[in-house]
Amino acid sequence: MQTSPRQFGYKFSGYFMEYGPIQAEGLDGAKAEVRRRLGVARLPQGCQIWDLAERPITKWRVDVAS
């Protein structure tokens, strides 16, 4: 049984820019695609990947200055 691909977004720790969409069957497939795009064997520490059906990519976000 094959499911339709879902879309995922990703973000690196310490950065405000969000990237995507990536189409994959599931979260593991999305992680593998991000690793392939980056050319690394392991994702960078703190890399966040989420389903765009749950939360869309934020186009512009301004961090509040402290």
N, C-alpha and C. Protein backbone atom coordinates (compact mmCIF):
# COMPACT_ATOMS: atom_id res chain seq x y z
N MET A 1 0.84 -1.17 0.00
CA MET A 1 0.00 0.00 0.00
C MET A 1 0.88 1.24 0.00
N GLN A 2 0.66 2.13 -0.95
CA GLN A 2 1.48 3.32 -1.05
C GLN A 2 0.66 4.54 -0.67
N THR A 3 1.24 5.38 0.14
CA THR A 3 0.58 6.62 0.54
C THR A 3 1.11 7.77 -0.28
N SER A 4 0.35 8.83 -0.37
CA SER A 4 0.81 9.99 -1.13
C SER A 4 1.85 10.74 -0.31
N PRO A 5 2.83 11.34 -0.99
CA PRO A 5 3.87 12.07 -0.27
C PRO A 5 3.30 13.26 0.50
N ARG A 6 3.90 13.52 1.64
CA ARG A 6 3.55 14.69 2.44
C ARG A 6 4.65 15.71 2.27
N GLN A 7 4.41 16.93 2.73
CA GLN A 7 5.40 17.99 2.62
C GLN A 7 5.92 18.34 4.00
N PHE A 8 7.24 18.58 4.06
CA PHE A 8 7.91 18.88 5.32
C PHE A 8 8.73 20.16 5.17
N GLY A 9 8.94 20.83 6.28
CA GLY A 9 9.82 21.98 6.35
C GLY A 9 10.95 21.67 7.32
N TYR A 10 12.03 22.45 7.24
CA TYR A 10 13.13 22.24 8.19
C TYR A 10 13.81 23.54 8.53
N LYS A 11 14.46 23.55 9.68
CA LYS A 11 15.13 24.74 10.22
C LYS A 11 16.34 24.29 11.02
N PHE A 12 17.40 25.08 10.97
CA PHE A 12 18.61 24.77 11.72
C PHE A 12 18.62 25.54 13.03
N SER A 13 19.19 24.96 14.05
CA SER A 13 19.28 25.57 15.37
C SER A 13 20.07 26.87 15.30
N GLY A 14 19.54 27.91 15.91
CA GLY A 14 20.23 29.18 15.95
C GLY A 14 19.95 30.09 14.76
N TYR A 15 19.18 29.62 13.79
CA TYR A 15 18.84 30.42 12.61
C TYR A 15 17.34 30.63 12.56
N PHE A 16 16.89 31.75 12.00
CA PHE A 16 15.47 32.02 11.92
C PHE A 16 14.87 31.60 10.58
N MET A 17 15.70 31.36 9.57
CA MET A 17 15.20 30.99 8.24
C MET A 17 14.69 29.56 8.24
N GLU A 18 13.51 29.36 7.63
CA GLU A 18 12.93 28.02 7.51
C GLU A 18 12.93 27.63 6.04
N TYR A 19 13.19 26.36 5.76
CA TYR A 19 13.35 25.87 4.41
C TYR A 19 12.29 24.82 4.08
N GLY A 20 12.04 24.63 2.80
CA GLY A 20 11.11 23.62 2.35
C GLY A 20 10.30 24.15 1.18
N PRO A 21 9.35 23.45 0.73
CA PRO A 21 8.91 22.15 1.22
C PRO A 21 9.71 21.00 0.62
N ILE A 22 9.77 19.92 1.37
CA ILE A 22 10.38 18.67 0.93
C ILE A 22 9.25 17.65 0.87
N GLN A 23 9.16 16.92 -0.22
CA GLN A 23 8.15 15.88 -0.31
C GLN A 23 8.76 14.55 0.09
N ALA A 24 8.06 13.85 0.98
CA ALA A 24 8.53 12.54 1.46
C ALA A 24 7.34 11.75 1.97
N GLU A 25 7.52 10.45 2.08
CA GLU A 25 6.46 9.57 2.58
C GLU A 25 6.21 9.77 4.07
N GLY A 26 7.26 10.13 4.80
CA GLY A 26 7.13 10.32 6.24
C GLY A 26 8.32 11.09 6.78
N LEU A 27 8.37 11.22 8.09
CA LEU A 27 9.43 12.00 8.73
C LEU A 27 10.82 11.41 8.45
N ASP A 28 10.94 10.09 8.47
CA ASP A 28 12.25 9.46 8.20
C ASP A 28 12.72 9.77 6.78
N GLY A 29 11.79 9.74 5.83
CA GLY A 29 12.13 10.08 4.45
C GLY A 29 12.55 11.53 4.31
N ALA A 30 11.88 12.42 5.05
CA ALA A 30 12.23 13.84 5.02
C ALA A 30 13.63 14.05 5.60
N LYS A 31 13.94 13.36 6.69
CA LYS A 31 15.28 13.46 7.28
C LYS A 31 16.34 12.99 6.29
N ALA A 32 16.07 11.89 5.60
CA ALA A 32 17.02 11.37 4.62
C ALA A 32 17.21 12.37 3.47
N GLU A 33 16.15 13.02 3.04
CA GLU A 33 16.26 14.00 1.95
C GLU A 33 17.06 15.22 2.39
N VAL A 34 16.88 15.70 3.61
CA VAL A 34 17.67 16.83 4.12
C VAL A 34 19.14 16.44 4.19
N ARG A 35 19.44 15.23 4.68
CA ARG A 35 20.84 14.77 4.73
C ARG A 35 21.43 14.71 3.33
N ARG A 36 20.64 14.23 2.35
CA ARG A 36 21.12 14.14 0.97
C ARG A 36 21.41 15.53 0.41
N ARG A 37 20.51 16.49 0.66
CA ARG A 37 20.70 17.86 0.15
C ARG A 37 21.93 18.52 0.77
N LEU A 38 22.18 18.22 2.04
CA LEU A 38 23.33 18.82 2.72
C LEU A 38 24.62 18.06 2.44
N GLY A 39 24.50 16.82 1.98
CA GLY A 39 25.68 16.00 1.72
C GLY A 39 26.36 15.52 2.98
N VAL A 40 25.57 15.22 4.01
CA VAL A 40 26.12 14.76 5.29
C VAL A 40 25.49 13.42 5.68
N ALA A 41 26.18 12.71 6.56
CA ALA A 41 25.68 11.43 7.04
C ALA A 41 24.72 11.59 8.22
N ARG A 42 24.93 12.67 8.99
CA ARG A 42 24.08 12.94 10.16
C ARG A 42 23.57 14.36 10.08
N LEU A 43 22.33 14.57 10.54
CA LEU A 43 21.78 15.91 10.57
C LEU A 43 22.50 16.75 11.62
N PRO A 44 22.63 18.05 11.38
CA PRO A 44 23.25 18.92 12.38
C PRO A 44 22.44 18.90 13.68
N GLN A 45 23.10 19.04 14.79
CA GLN A 45 22.43 19.04 16.08
C GLN A 45 21.43 20.19 16.14
N GLY A 46 20.23 19.90 16.59
CA GLY A 46 19.20 20.92 16.74
C GLY A 46 18.38 21.16 15.48
N CYS A 47 18.63 20.43 14.40
CA CYS A 47 17.85 20.59 13.18
C CYS A 47 16.42 20.14 13.45
N GLN A 48 15.47 20.99 13.09
CA GLN A 48 14.05 20.69 13.31
C GLN A 48 13.39 20.39 11.97
N ILE A 49 12.60 19.32 11.92
CA ILE A 49 11.86 18.96 10.72
C ILE A 49 10.42 18.72 11.14
N TRP A 50 9.46 19.30 10.41
CA TRP A 50 8.06 19.16 10.77
C TRP A 50 7.19 19.01 9.53
N ASP A 51 6.00 18.46 9.75
CA ASP A 51 5.00 18.27 8.70
C ASP A 51 4.32 19.61 8.44
N LEU A 52 4.28 20.05 7.20
CA LEU A 52 3.68 21.33 6.87
C LEU A 52 2.17 21.34 7.05
N ALA A 53 1.55 20.16 7.15
CA ALA A 53 0.11 20.10 7.44
C ALA A 53 -0.16 20.54 8.88
N GLU A 54 0.82 20.36 9.76
CA GLU A 54 0.67 20.76 11.16
C GLU A 54 1.04 22.22 11.37
N ARG A 55 2.08 22.70 10.68
CA ARG A 55 2.51 24.09 10.82
C ARG A 55 3.19 24.51 9.53
N PRO A 56 2.67 25.56 8.87
CA PRO A 56 3.31 26.01 7.63
C PRO A 56 4.65 26.69 7.90
N ILE A 57 5.40 26.87 6.83
CA ILE A 57 6.69 27.56 6.92
C ILE A 57 6.42 29.04 7.18
N THR A 58 7.16 29.62 8.11
CA THR A 58 7.06 31.05 8.41
C THR A 58 7.96 31.78 7.42
N LYS A 59 7.35 32.62 6.60
CA LYS A 59 8.12 33.33 5.58
C LYS A 59 9.03 34.38 6.19
N TRP A 60 8.50 35.19 7.07
CA TRP A 60 9.28 36.26 7.69
C TRP A 60 9.00 36.25 9.18
N ARG A 61 10.05 36.27 9.95
CA ARG A 61 9.92 36.34 11.40
C ARG A 61 11.03 37.25 11.91
N VAL A 62 10.65 38.19 12.76
CA VAL A 62 11.62 39.09 13.36
C VAL A 62 11.72 38.74 14.83
N ASP A 63 12.92 38.38 15.26
CA ASP A 63 13.14 38.08 16.68
C ASP A 63 13.10 39.37 17.48
N VAL A 64 12.52 39.28 18.66
CA VAL A 64 12.43 40.44 19.53
C VAL A 64 13.81 40.71 20.15
N ALA A 65 14.27 41.94 20.04
CA ALA A 65 15.57 42.30 20.60
C ALA A 65 15.45 42.40 22.11
N SER A 66 16.46 41.97 22.80
CA SER A 66 16.41 42.03 24.27
C SER A 66 17.24 43.17 24.81
